[in-house]
Amino acid sequence: MPSALHFSRLGAEVPFPVMKVLLLYPKFPDTFWSFKYALKFIRKRAALPPLGLLTVAAMLPEKWSKRLVDVNVRPLRESDLLWADVVLISAMIAQRESAVRLIARCRAAGKRIVAGGPLFTVAWDQFPDVDHFVLNEAEVTLAEFLYDQAKGQARRVYTSPELPDISKTPTPLWDLVNLRRYASMSVQYSRGCPFDCDFCSVTAMFGHRPRVKVPAQIIDELDSLWRSGWRGPVFFVDDNLIGNKRSLRDELLPALIRWRQGKRGVVFYTEASINLADDEALMRMMVAAGFDQVFIGIETPEEASLTECNKRQNQSRDLVADVKRIQRAGLQVQGGFIIGFDNDSATIFQRQIDFIQKSGIVTAMVGLLQAVPGTKLHERLHRQGRLLGRTTGDNVDGTTNFVSRMKRETLCDGYRRLMDYIYSPGPYYRRIRTLLREFRAPRRSSALTPQNIGAFLGASVRLGVIGRERFHFWGLLLWTCYRRPKLMPMAVTLSIYGFHFRKCCEALGA
């Protein structure tokens, strides 16, 4: 069967009727990662566009009409449903509730529904109203579905263990998106991760050998965004950008350095593993290429818990020193932390607080461990009879879906107290100063935009006048003005993030 990238040949074999396709993306709940309350300061509706759907759109027959509705930025209208011949919906696990509602609307409108993406890959049998499931990687399964559909022989479920060559994946159809409604754009360079953390679904879906695009593909995607008028941050959504260091160092980064010459405003951020700290030359190249932030899964300072979850890349390290080394290279570290491992004792809450405060990780995403279907953790807990239900996909909602070794009340109460502390104004603003002392900003020109000015004015009123953090806010800005004046934009941005995180903590009952 030909891949989803060769429809010209498929069209010669089987005539594809021209169709109007509605690409539908459900709403995310109000989580830490939604940045809902922070986005209001810059008048944006969502953090990122649905990159997967935009890529799938590029794999569909060129003559088909396509319309994207991301309900994070605008509602689904009856006119959208009347227009469409078929609905393609994709979702993450955290978008389940919105997906259920949207599917019900599409079914009531009599539309054929095709679903794919992480939520449906692990739980397709829980959605009886969906007509067809195109699962795993669309480069493999989409073409087979469309081929059968054109012949009137489409099955309900299409799945494949094949890990395709993504160097043939097309550029996403950015013209389907209203760029002005998003805070960031996104590109994908690689899929897969060389590590084997037992709670992570990445390797279950994408394998251990990172597959990469060729630099020309990434440059084409960036050129497409640039031509569309984008001048803001771009997220490399790779689960571990440094999974294939050789390709990154020898191919992608030199291409990005060349591309960014003369292009103001575009900066990059990404996700990587902690061993990035071991390669100072690579960090310098990343900063030269335009990267200024990196999310790293720290998880826990407890060595026994790292061993338990097979987080070997984090074991036997001075993790605080590693974080500071990355910060001094010019990369702000955002950190992921997990509580609820079997080896966690009641001391873990204070140990996590101490680590976060000492490291200066301002954006510390601390969540309770959840068992995601398809992971080794889920399989182990299933064998032990400890699963309680399905995961919400939101590890900062204060719940777990399994019987923890720690008493549940102790776990949940300790988690809420931890979150309340680290995002209270005093500790939070102290962390910002710790980061600003360590951070070595690259020499990079930045434009003062109306959006930046508006964000500062909004923060001055909402945080500096109305907010309970007003003394901390003005104290930080004065300190930054005298000590690290070039980092003033970062200080304001992180202050706004803190407002968002505190609002999320209020929802936790912290």
Protein backbone atom coordinates (compact mmCIF):
# COMPACT_ATOMS: atom_id res chain seq x y z
CA MET A 1 0.00 0.00 0.00
CA PRO A 2 1.43 3.42 -0.93
CA SER A 3 2.05 5.93 1.83
CA ALA A 4 -0.14 8.94 2.55
CA LEU A 5 2.36 11.08 0.66
CA HIS A 6 1.71 9.71 -2.83
CA PHE A 7 -1.86 10.60 -3.69
CA SER A 8 -1.04 11.55 -7.27
CA ARG A 9 -0.41 7.87 -8.02
CA LEU A 10 -3.28 6.74 -5.85
CA GLY A 11 -5.59 9.06 -7.72
CA ALA A 12 -4.67 7.35 -10.97
CA GLU A 13 -5.65 3.98 -9.50
CA VAL A 14 -8.76 5.01 -7.60
CA PRO A 15 -10.66 8.25 -8.33
CA PHE A 16 -11.02 10.28 -5.14
CA PRO A 17 -14.32 12.20 -5.03
CA VAL A 18 -13.77 15.84 -4.13
CA MET A 19 -14.74 16.36 -0.51
CA LYS A 20 -15.06 19.13 2.04
CA VAL A 21 -13.15 18.13 5.18
CA LEU A 22 -13.65 19.74 8.57
CA LEU A 23 -10.55 19.31 10.74
CA LEU A 24 -11.68 19.57 14.34
CA TYR A 25 -9.52 20.12 17.43
CA PRO A 26 -11.14 19.85 20.91
CA LYS A 27 -10.69 22.25 23.79
CA PHE A 28 -8.01 21.77 26.43
CA PRO A 29 -9.06 22.05 30.07
CA ASP A 30 -7.70 24.96 32.10
CA THR A 31 -4.36 23.44 33.06
CA PHE A 32 -0.88 24.74 33.77
CA TRP A 33 0.09 24.07 30.16
CA SER A 34 -2.90 25.92 28.72
CA PHE A 35 -1.47 29.26 29.93
CA LYS A 36 -5.07 30.50 29.79
CA TYR A 37 -4.67 33.36 32.26
CA ALA A 38 -1.27 34.43 30.90
CA LEU A 39 -2.50 34.55 27.30
CA LYS A 40 -5.00 37.26 28.20
CA PHE A 41 -2.13 39.68 28.79
CA ILE A 42 -1.07 39.39 25.13
CA ARG A 43 -4.61 38.99 23.73
CA LYS A 44 -4.12 35.46 22.44
CA ARG A 45 -6.60 32.59 22.50
CA ALA A 46 -4.29 29.54 22.66
CA ALA A 47 -0.65 28.68 23.19
CA LEU A 48 -0.14 26.51 20.10
CA PRO A 49 -2.00 25.44 16.95
CA PRO A 50 -2.87 21.77 16.27
CA LEU A 51 0.27 20.78 14.39
CA GLY A 52 -0.83 17.18 13.85
CA LEU A 53 -4.08 18.15 12.12
CA LEU A 54 -2.30 20.72 9.96
CA THR A 55 0.16 18.03 8.87
CA VAL A 56 -2.64 15.55 8.15
CA ALA A 57 -4.35 18.26 6.09
CA ALA A 58 -1.25 18.42 3.91
CA MET A 59 -1.50 14.66 3.30
CA LEU A 60 -5.07 14.83 2.00
CA PRO A 61 -5.77 15.12 -1.74
CA GLU A 62 -4.88 18.60 -2.91
CA LYS A 63 -8.24 19.25 -4.57
CA TRP A 64 -10.19 18.64 -1.38
CA SER A 65 -11.53 21.68 0.48
CA LYS A 66 -10.26 21.90 4.05
CA ARG A 67 -11.37 23.97 7.02
CA LEU A 68 -9.80 23.92 10.50
CA VAL A 69 -11.81 24.61 13.63
CA ASP A 70 -9.72 24.74 16.80
CA VAL A 71 -12.29 25.27 19.52
CA ASN A 72 -9.55 26.65 21.75
CA VAL A 73 -9.68 29.80 19.62
CA ARG A 74 -13.22 29.82 18.21
CA PRO A 75 -16.41 27.79 18.66
CA LEU A 76 -17.68 25.14 16.27
CA ARG A 77 -20.59 26.68 14.38
CA GLU A 78 -23.59 25.02 12.76
CA SER A 79 -22.44 26.52 9.47
CA ASP A 80 -19.17 24.54 9.79
CA LEU A 81 -21.11 21.30 10.13
CA LEU A 82 -23.46 22.15 7.26
CA TRP A 83 -20.43 22.86 5.05
CA ALA A 84 -18.56 19.63 5.78
CA ASP A 85 -18.85 16.25 4.07
CA VAL A 86 -16.65 14.54 6.66
CA VAL A 87 -15.13 15.46 10.04
CA LEU A 88 -11.56 14.56 11.00
CA ILE A 89 -10.99 14.94 14.75
CA SER A 90 -7.73 14.54 16.64
CA ALA A 91 -7.12 14.89 20.36
CA MET A 92 -4.75 14.43 23.26
CA ILE A 93 -5.95 12.47 26.31
CA ALA A 94 -6.51 15.70 28.26
CA GLN A 95 -9.03 16.80 25.61
CA ARG A 96 -11.36 13.83 26.16
CA GLU A 97 -14.35 15.71 27.60
CA SER A 98 -14.37 18.26 24.80
CA ALA A 99 -13.88 15.51 22.21
CA VAL A 100 -16.93 13.64 23.53
CA ARG A 101 -19.09 16.75 23.22
CA LEU A 102 -17.86 17.56 19.72
CA ILE A 103 -18.36 14.00 18.49
CA ALA A 104 -21.94 14.09 19.80
CA ARG A 105 -22.60 17.30 17.86
CA CYS A 106 -21.12 15.87 14.68
CA ARG A 107 -23.15 12.66 15.07
CA ALA A 108 -26.35 14.65 15.64
CA ALA A 109 -25.60 16.55 12.43
CA GLY A 110 -25.31 13.26 10.56
CA LYS A 111 -21.64 13.68 9.67
CA ARG A 112 -19.18 10.88 9.01
CA ILE A 113 -16.52 11.07 11.73
CA VAL A 114 -12.91 9.95 11.39
CA ALA A 115 -10.70 10.10 14.51
CA GLY A 116 -6.99 9.82 15.21
CA GLY A 117 -4.30 11.04 17.59
CA PRO A 118 -3.13 9.94 21.07
CA LEU A 119 -6.55 9.85 22.76
CA PHE A 120 -8.11 7.57 20.18
CA THR A 121 -4.99 5.45 19.72
CA VAL A 122 -5.21 4.30 23.36
CA ALA A 123 -9.01 4.34 23.75
CA TRP A 124 -10.71 3.98 20.36
CA ASP A 125 -13.12 1.36 21.69
CA GLN A 126 -14.61 3.95 24.08
CA PHE A 127 -16.03 6.08 21.25
CA PRO A 128 -18.93 4.19 19.63
CA ASP A 129 -20.13 7.22 17.64
CA VAL A 130 -16.94 7.47 15.58
CA ASP A 131 -17.19 5.83 12.16
CA HIS A 132 -13.49 5.24 11.46
CA PHE A 133 -10.27 5.37 13.46
CA VAL A 134 -7.00 6.18 11.66
CA LEU A 135 -4.47 5.49 14.40
CA ASN A 136 -0.71 5.51 14.98
CA GLU A 137 1.26 7.60 12.47
CA ALA A 138 -0.78 9.07 9.63
CA GLU A 139 2.07 8.70 7.15
CA VAL A 140 1.28 4.97 7.25
CA THR A 141 -2.42 4.55 8.05
CA LEU A 142 -4.12 7.52 6.36
CA ALA A 143 -3.49 6.44 2.78
CA GLU A 144 -4.84 2.95 3.38
CA PHE A 145 -8.03 4.38 4.87
CA LEU A 146 -8.55 6.81 1.98
CA TYR A 147 -7.82 4.11 -0.56
CA ASP A 148 -10.47 1.82 0.97
CA GLN A 149 -12.88 4.72 1.45
CA ALA A 150 -12.71 5.59 -2.25
CA LYS A 151 -13.63 2.00 -3.07
CA GLY A 152 -16.47 1.97 -0.51
CA GLN A 153 -14.69 -0.64 1.59
CA ALA A 154 -13.39 1.36 4.56
CA ARG A 155 -12.83 -0.58 7.78
CA ARG A 156 -13.55 0.90 11.20
CA VAL A 157 -10.00 0.73 12.57
CA TYR A 158 -6.68 1.34 10.83
CA THR A 159 -3.54 0.72 12.85
CA SER A 160 0.08 -0.14 12.15
CA PRO A 161 3.27 -0.78 14.15
CA GLU A 162 5.35 0.70 11.31
CA LEU A 163 7.51 3.72 12.20
CA PRO A 164 7.65 5.73 8.97
CA ASP A 165 10.45 7.80 7.50
CA ILE A 166 9.41 11.35 8.41
CA SER A 167 11.85 12.89 5.94
CA LYS A 168 8.95 12.60 3.48
CA THR A 169 6.34 14.24 5.73
CA PRO A 170 4.89 17.36 4.05
CA THR A 171 4.89 20.93 5.34
CA PRO A 172 1.78 21.66 7.46
CA LEU A 173 -0.94 23.74 5.81
CA TRP A 174 -0.43 26.94 7.76
CA ASP A 175 -2.91 28.82 5.59
CA LEU A 176 -5.71 27.04 7.49
CA VAL A 177 -4.71 28.87 10.69
CA ASN A 178 -5.34 32.39 11.94
CA LEU A 179 -1.82 32.95 13.27
CA ARG A 180 -2.80 36.04 15.25
CA ARG A 181 -4.78 33.95 17.72
CA TYR A 182 -1.80 31.92 18.93
CA ALA A 183 1.10 32.77 21.22
CA SER A 184 3.54 30.37 19.51
CA MET A 185 3.89 28.28 16.39
CA SER A 186 5.31 24.77 16.28
CA VAL A 187 7.43 22.50 14.12
CA GLN A 188 8.53 18.89 14.56
CA TYR A 189 12.08 17.78 13.78
CA SER A 190 12.13 14.27 15.26
CA ARG A 191 9.99 11.49 16.69
CA GLY A 192 11.14 8.96 19.25
CA CYS A 193 13.44 8.97 22.27
CA PRO A 194 16.46 6.78 23.11
CA PHE A 195 15.45 6.45 26.77
CA ASP A 196 12.88 4.18 28.38
CA CYS A 197 11.11 5.94 31.26
CA ASP A 198 8.33 3.59 32.34
CA PHE A 199 5.64 6.29 32.75
CA CYS A 200 6.19 7.86 29.32
CA SER A 201 4.11 6.93 26.26
CA VAL A 202 6.52 8.47 23.74
CA THR A 203 8.55 5.33 23.07
CA ALA A 204 5.40 3.18 22.99
CA MET A 205 4.08 5.37 20.18
CA PHE A 206 7.24 6.45 18.36
CA GLY A 207 10.01 4.01 19.30
CA HIS A 208 13.47 4.35 20.78
CA ARG A 209 15.34 5.33 17.63
CA PRO A 210 14.77 9.03 16.94
CA ARG A 211 13.72 9.59 13.34
CA VAL A 212 14.50 13.03 11.96
CA LYS A 213 13.47 15.30 9.14
CA VAL A 214 16.11 16.68 6.84
CA PRO A 215 17.04 20.33 7.49
CA ALA A 216 15.44 21.43 4.21
CA GLN A 217 12.04 20.32 5.54
CA ILE A 218 12.39 22.39 8.70
CA ILE A 219 13.58 25.41 6.74
CA ASP A 220 10.59 25.03 4.39
CA GLU A 221 8.27 25.00 7.40
CA LEU A 222 9.93 28.05 8.92
CA ASP A 223 9.90 29.85 5.57
CA SER A 224 6.19 29.12 5.29
CA LEU A 225 5.59 30.65 8.71
CA TRP A 226 7.79 33.64 7.91
CA ARG A 227 5.95 34.31 4.63
CA SER A 228 2.68 34.14 6.55
CA GLY A 229 3.92 36.98 8.75
CA TRP A 230 4.92 35.06 11.87
CA ARG A 231 7.58 36.87 13.94
CA GLY A 232 7.24 35.16 17.32
CA PRO A 233 8.41 32.06 19.19
CA VAL A 234 8.43 28.61 17.60
CA PHE A 235 8.21 25.44 19.66
CA PHE A 236 10.15 22.40 18.45
CA VAL A 237 7.69 19.81 19.72
CA ASP A 238 10.17 16.93 19.71
CA ASP A 239 9.93 14.87 22.87
CA ASN A 240 13.73 14.94 23.05
CA LEU A 241 15.42 17.29 20.60
CA ILE A 242 18.86 15.87 21.45
CA GLY A 243 17.82 12.24 20.98
CA ASN A 244 19.93 12.20 17.80
CA LYS A 245 22.77 14.56 18.70
CA ARG A 246 24.76 13.96 15.55
CA SER A 247 21.96 15.02 13.22
CA LEU A 248 21.11 17.96 15.45
CA ARG A 249 24.70 19.22 15.68
CA ASP A 250 25.87 18.51 12.15
CA GLU A 251 22.70 19.24 10.16
CA LEU A 252 19.83 21.08 11.82
CA LEU A 253 21.57 23.66 14.01
CA PRO A 254 23.89 24.96 11.24
CA ALA A 255 20.84 25.31 8.98
CA LEU A 256 18.93 27.22 11.68
CA ILE A 257 21.88 29.53 12.31
CA ARG A 258 21.96 30.41 8.61
CA TRP A 259 18.17 30.79 8.42
CA ARG A 260 17.91 33.22 11.34
CA GLN A 261 20.35 35.73 9.88
CA GLY A 262 18.44 38.96 9.44
CA LYS A 263 15.22 37.55 10.92
CA ARG A 264 14.25 39.39 14.07
CA GLY A 265 11.62 38.18 16.49
CA VAL A 266 11.75 34.42 15.89
CA VAL A 267 13.14 32.43 18.81
CA PHE A 268 12.92 28.71 19.50
CA TYR A 269 12.18 26.55 22.52
CA THR A 270 12.03 22.80 22.91
CA GLU A 271 12.22 19.70 25.13
CA ALA A 272 15.39 17.74 25.92
CA SER A 273 16.91 15.36 28.44
CA ILE A 274 19.17 16.45 31.29
CA ASN A 275 22.31 15.12 29.60
CA LEU A 276 22.19 18.29 27.51
CA ALA A 277 24.14 19.78 30.44
CA ASP A 278 27.10 17.54 29.56
CA ASP A 279 27.62 19.12 26.12
CA GLU A 280 28.60 22.78 26.39
CA ALA A 281 29.42 23.02 22.68
CA LEU A 282 25.97 21.78 21.76
CA MET A 283 24.32 24.26 24.12
CA ARG A 284 26.31 27.10 22.55
CA MET A 285 25.15 26.00 19.11
CA MET A 286 21.53 25.83 20.24
CA VAL A 287 21.70 29.36 21.63
CA ALA A 288 23.37 30.59 18.43
CA ALA A 289 20.56 28.93 16.45
CA GLY A 290 17.95 30.87 18.44
CA PHE A 291 16.92 28.55 21.28
CA ASP A 292 16.34 30.27 24.63
CA GLN A 293 14.21 27.79 26.62
CA VAL A 294 14.21 24.05 27.16
CA PHE A 295 11.80 21.84 29.07
CA ILE A 296 13.52 19.01 30.95
CA GLY A 297 11.97 16.14 32.85
CA ILE A 298 13.68 16.34 36.23
CA GLU A 299 10.96 14.21 37.87
CA THR A 300 12.39 13.79 41.38
CA PRO A 301 15.49 14.23 43.57
CA GLU A 302 14.83 10.76 45.05
CA GLU A 303 17.34 8.30 43.53
CA ALA A 304 15.22 5.25 44.40
CA SER A 305 12.28 6.73 42.50
CA LEU A 306 14.47 7.46 39.48
CA THR A 307 15.56 3.82 39.53
CA GLU A 308 11.96 2.69 39.93
CA CYS A 309 10.81 4.49 36.77
CA ASN A 310 14.00 3.68 34.82
CA LYS A 311 14.94 7.35 34.47
CA ARG A 312 18.56 6.34 34.07
CA GLN A 313 19.64 9.54 32.35
CA ASN A 314 18.87 11.43 35.59
CA GLN A 315 20.52 9.01 38.00
CA SER A 316 23.78 9.65 39.89
CA ARG A 317 23.90 13.30 38.89
CA ASP A 318 24.01 16.65 40.65
CA LEU A 319 20.77 17.76 39.07
CA VAL A 320 20.85 21.27 40.54
CA ALA A 321 24.32 21.84 39.12
CA ASP A 322 23.15 20.48 35.75
CA VAL A 323 20.23 22.91 35.67
CA LYS A 324 22.44 25.87 36.52
CA ARG A 325 24.94 24.86 33.83
CA ILE A 326 22.16 24.96 31.25
CA GLN A 327 20.90 28.30 32.57
CA ARG A 328 24.38 29.81 32.39
CA ALA A 329 24.60 28.67 28.77
CA GLY A 330 21.64 30.94 27.94
CA LEU A 331 18.78 28.42 28.08
CA GLN A 332 16.00 28.93 30.59
CA VAL A 333 15.06 25.55 32.09
CA GLN A 334 11.42 24.67 32.52
CA GLY A 335 11.13 21.56 34.65
CA GLY A 336 8.77 18.63 34.93
CA PHE A 337 8.41 17.01 38.37
CA ILE A 338 6.42 13.97 39.49
CA ILE A 339 5.17 12.90 42.91
CA GLY A 340 3.58 9.54 43.70
CA PHE A 341 6.29 6.99 42.94
CA ASP A 342 6.24 3.87 45.11
CA ASN A 343 9.56 4.92 46.66
CA ASP A 344 8.30 8.38 47.64
CA SER A 345 7.94 8.95 51.36
CA ALA A 346 6.26 11.84 53.17
CA THR A 347 9.55 13.77 52.97
CA ILE A 348 9.31 14.08 49.18
CA PHE A 349 7.16 17.20 49.28
CA GLN A 350 9.76 19.30 51.11
CA ARG A 351 12.58 17.77 49.07
CA GLN A 352 10.86 18.80 45.86
CA ILE A 353 10.30 22.31 47.22
CA ASP A 354 13.95 22.62 48.22
CA PHE A 355 15.14 21.42 44.82
CA ILE A 356 12.85 23.73 42.86
CA GLN A 357 13.77 26.79 44.93
CA LYS A 358 17.50 26.09 44.86
CA SER A 359 17.62 25.36 41.13
CA GLY A 360 15.78 28.50 40.07
CA ILE A 361 13.37 26.54 37.86
CA VAL A 362 10.63 29.15 37.75
CA THR A 363 8.22 27.18 35.56
CA ALA A 364 8.06 24.01 37.65
CA MET A 365 5.35 21.68 36.40
CA VAL A 366 4.76 19.39 39.39
CA GLY A 367 2.20 16.66 38.87
CA LEU A 368 0.94 13.50 40.48
CA LEU A 369 1.98 10.31 38.71
CA GLN A 370 -0.62 8.90 36.34
CA ALA A 371 -0.53 5.60 34.47
CA VAL A 372 -1.11 6.15 30.76
CA PRO A 373 -2.31 3.19 28.66
CA GLY A 374 0.47 1.67 26.58
CA THR A 375 3.23 2.51 29.05
CA LYS A 376 5.22 0.00 31.08
CA LEU A 377 3.92 1.66 34.24
CA HIS A 378 0.34 0.99 33.18
CA GLU A 379 1.15 -2.64 32.39
CA ARG A 380 2.89 -3.13 35.74
CA LEU A 381 0.07 -1.59 37.76
CA HIS A 382 -2.47 -3.62 35.80
CA ARG A 383 -0.64 -6.83 36.71
CA GLN A 384 -0.59 -5.73 40.34
CA GLY A 385 -4.31 -4.96 40.32
CA ARG A 386 -3.70 -1.34 41.33
CA LEU A 387 -5.41 0.58 38.51
CA LEU A 388 -8.41 2.64 39.57
CA GLY A 389 -9.60 4.01 36.25
CA ARG A 390 -8.49 5.89 33.18
CA THR A 391 -6.02 8.74 33.23
CA THR A 392 -7.23 12.29 32.73
CA GLY A 393 -4.09 13.16 30.77
CA ASP A 394 -3.65 16.17 33.05
CA ASN A 395 -1.08 15.34 35.71
CA VAL A 396 -1.63 18.59 37.60
CA ASP A 397 -5.31 18.02 38.36
CA GLY A 398 -4.50 16.60 41.80
CA THR A 399 -5.60 13.03 41.09
CA THR A 400 -4.04 9.65 40.34
CA ASN A 401 -5.58 6.66 38.56
CA PHE A 402 -3.97 3.94 40.65
CA VAL A 403 -3.55 2.85 44.26
CA SER A 404 -0.42 4.60 45.53
CA ARG A 405 1.91 3.19 48.18
CA MET A 406 1.62 6.44 50.09
CA LYS A 407 -1.70 6.99 51.81
CA ARG A 408 -3.90 8.78 49.27
CA GLU A 409 -4.91 11.57 51.66
CA THR A 410 -1.26 12.22 52.54
CA LEU A 411 -0.32 12.28 48.85
CA CYS A 412 -3.05 14.67 47.75
CA ASP A 413 -2.76 17.01 50.73
CA GLY A 414 1.02 17.13 50.44
CA TYR A 415 0.75 17.87 46.72
CA ARG A 416 -1.65 20.78 47.27
CA ARG A 417 0.56 22.26 49.97
CA LEU A 418 3.61 21.96 47.72
CA MET A 419 1.83 23.72 44.85
CA ASP A 420 0.51 26.42 47.13
CA TYR A 421 4.01 27.11 48.43
CA ILE A 422 6.03 27.19 45.21
CA TYR A 423 3.52 29.45 43.46
CA SER A 424 2.90 31.80 46.37
CA PRO A 425 4.34 35.23 45.51
CA GLY A 426 7.28 35.10 47.95
CA PRO A 427 8.85 31.79 46.89
CA TYR A 428 7.92 32.30 43.24
CA TYR A 429 9.55 35.72 42.90
CA ARG A 430 12.63 34.50 44.78
CA ARG A 431 12.98 31.78 42.14
CA ILE A 432 12.83 34.36 39.37
CA ARG A 433 15.75 36.22 40.94
CA THR A 434 17.70 32.97 41.32
CA LEU A 435 17.22 32.32 37.61
CA LEU A 436 18.12 35.86 36.56
CA ARG A 437 21.36 35.69 38.55
CA GLU A 438 22.42 32.54 36.71
CA PHE A 439 21.03 33.17 33.25
CA ARG A 440 23.46 34.42 30.61
CA ALA A 441 21.39 36.12 27.96
CA PRO A 442 22.69 35.76 24.40
CA ARG A 443 23.57 38.91 22.47
CA ARG A 444 20.45 39.10 20.39
CA SER A 445 18.49 42.08 19.15
CA SER A 446 14.82 42.10 20.03
CA ALA A 447 12.05 44.27 18.72
CA LEU A 448 9.76 46.23 21.05
CA THR A 449 6.30 45.31 19.81
CA PRO A 450 2.82 46.65 20.66
CA GLN A 451 2.14 43.20 22.13
CA ASN A 452 5.09 43.53 24.53
CA ILE A 453 4.04 47.03 25.54
CA GLY A 454 0.46 45.90 26.10
CA ALA A 455 1.62 42.96 28.22
CA PHE A 456 3.74 45.23 30.41
CA LEU A 457 0.92 47.72 30.90
CA GLY A 458 -1.52 44.94 31.71
CA ALA A 459 0.91 43.39 34.18
CA SER A 460 1.56 46.77 35.79
CA VAL A 461 -2.14 47.09 36.59
CA ARG A 462 -3.17 43.48 37.22
CA LEU A 463 -0.05 42.43 39.13
CA GLY A 464 1.37 45.77 40.27
CA VAL A 465 -1.81 47.44 41.53
CA ILE A 466 -4.61 44.90 41.99
CA GLY A 467 -2.68 41.71 42.71
CA ARG A 468 -1.59 40.47 46.12
CA GLU A 469 1.88 40.06 44.59
CA ARG A 470 2.25 43.81 43.87
CA PHE A 471 5.16 44.40 46.26
CA HIS A 472 6.99 41.35 44.91
CA PHE A 473 6.31 42.45 41.32
CA TRP A 474 7.69 45.98 41.67
CA GLY A 475 10.54 44.72 43.83
CA LEU A 476 11.55 42.30 41.09
CA LEU A 477 11.38 44.95 38.37
CA LEU A 478 13.52 47.37 40.40
CA TRP A 479 16.05 44.62 41.17
CA THR A 480 16.16 43.59 37.50
CA CYS A 481 16.51 47.20 36.35
CA TYR A 482 19.67 47.63 38.44
CA ARG A 483 21.15 44.12 38.29
CA ARG A 484 20.08 42.55 34.96
CA PRO A 485 18.39 45.25 32.84
CA LYS A 486 18.62 43.23 29.61
CA LEU A 487 16.47 40.55 31.24
CA MET A 488 13.54 42.87 32.00
CA PRO A 489 11.29 41.24 29.34
CA MET A 490 11.96 37.84 30.93
CA ALA A 491 11.16 39.20 34.39
CA VAL A 492 7.81 40.58 33.21
CA THR A 493 6.94 37.39 31.31
CA LEU A 494 7.71 35.15 34.27
CA SER A 495 5.67 37.43 36.54
CA ILE A 496 2.70 36.96 34.23
CA TYR A 497 3.25 33.19 34.21
CA GLY A 498 3.15 33.25 37.99
CA PHE A 499 -0.28 34.86 37.90
CA HIS A 500 -1.50 32.04 35.65
CA PHE A 501 0.00 29.34 37.88
CA ARG A 502 -1.58 30.82 41.00
CA LYS A 503 -5.00 30.84 39.33
CA CYS A 504 -4.53 27.16 38.46
CA CYS A 505 -3.55 26.42 42.06
CA GLU A 506 -6.77 28.06 43.24
CA ALA A 507 -8.66 25.56 41.10
CA LEU A 508 -6.81 22.76 42.91
CA GLY A 509 -8.08 24.10 46.19
CA ALA A 510 -4.50 24.86 47.21
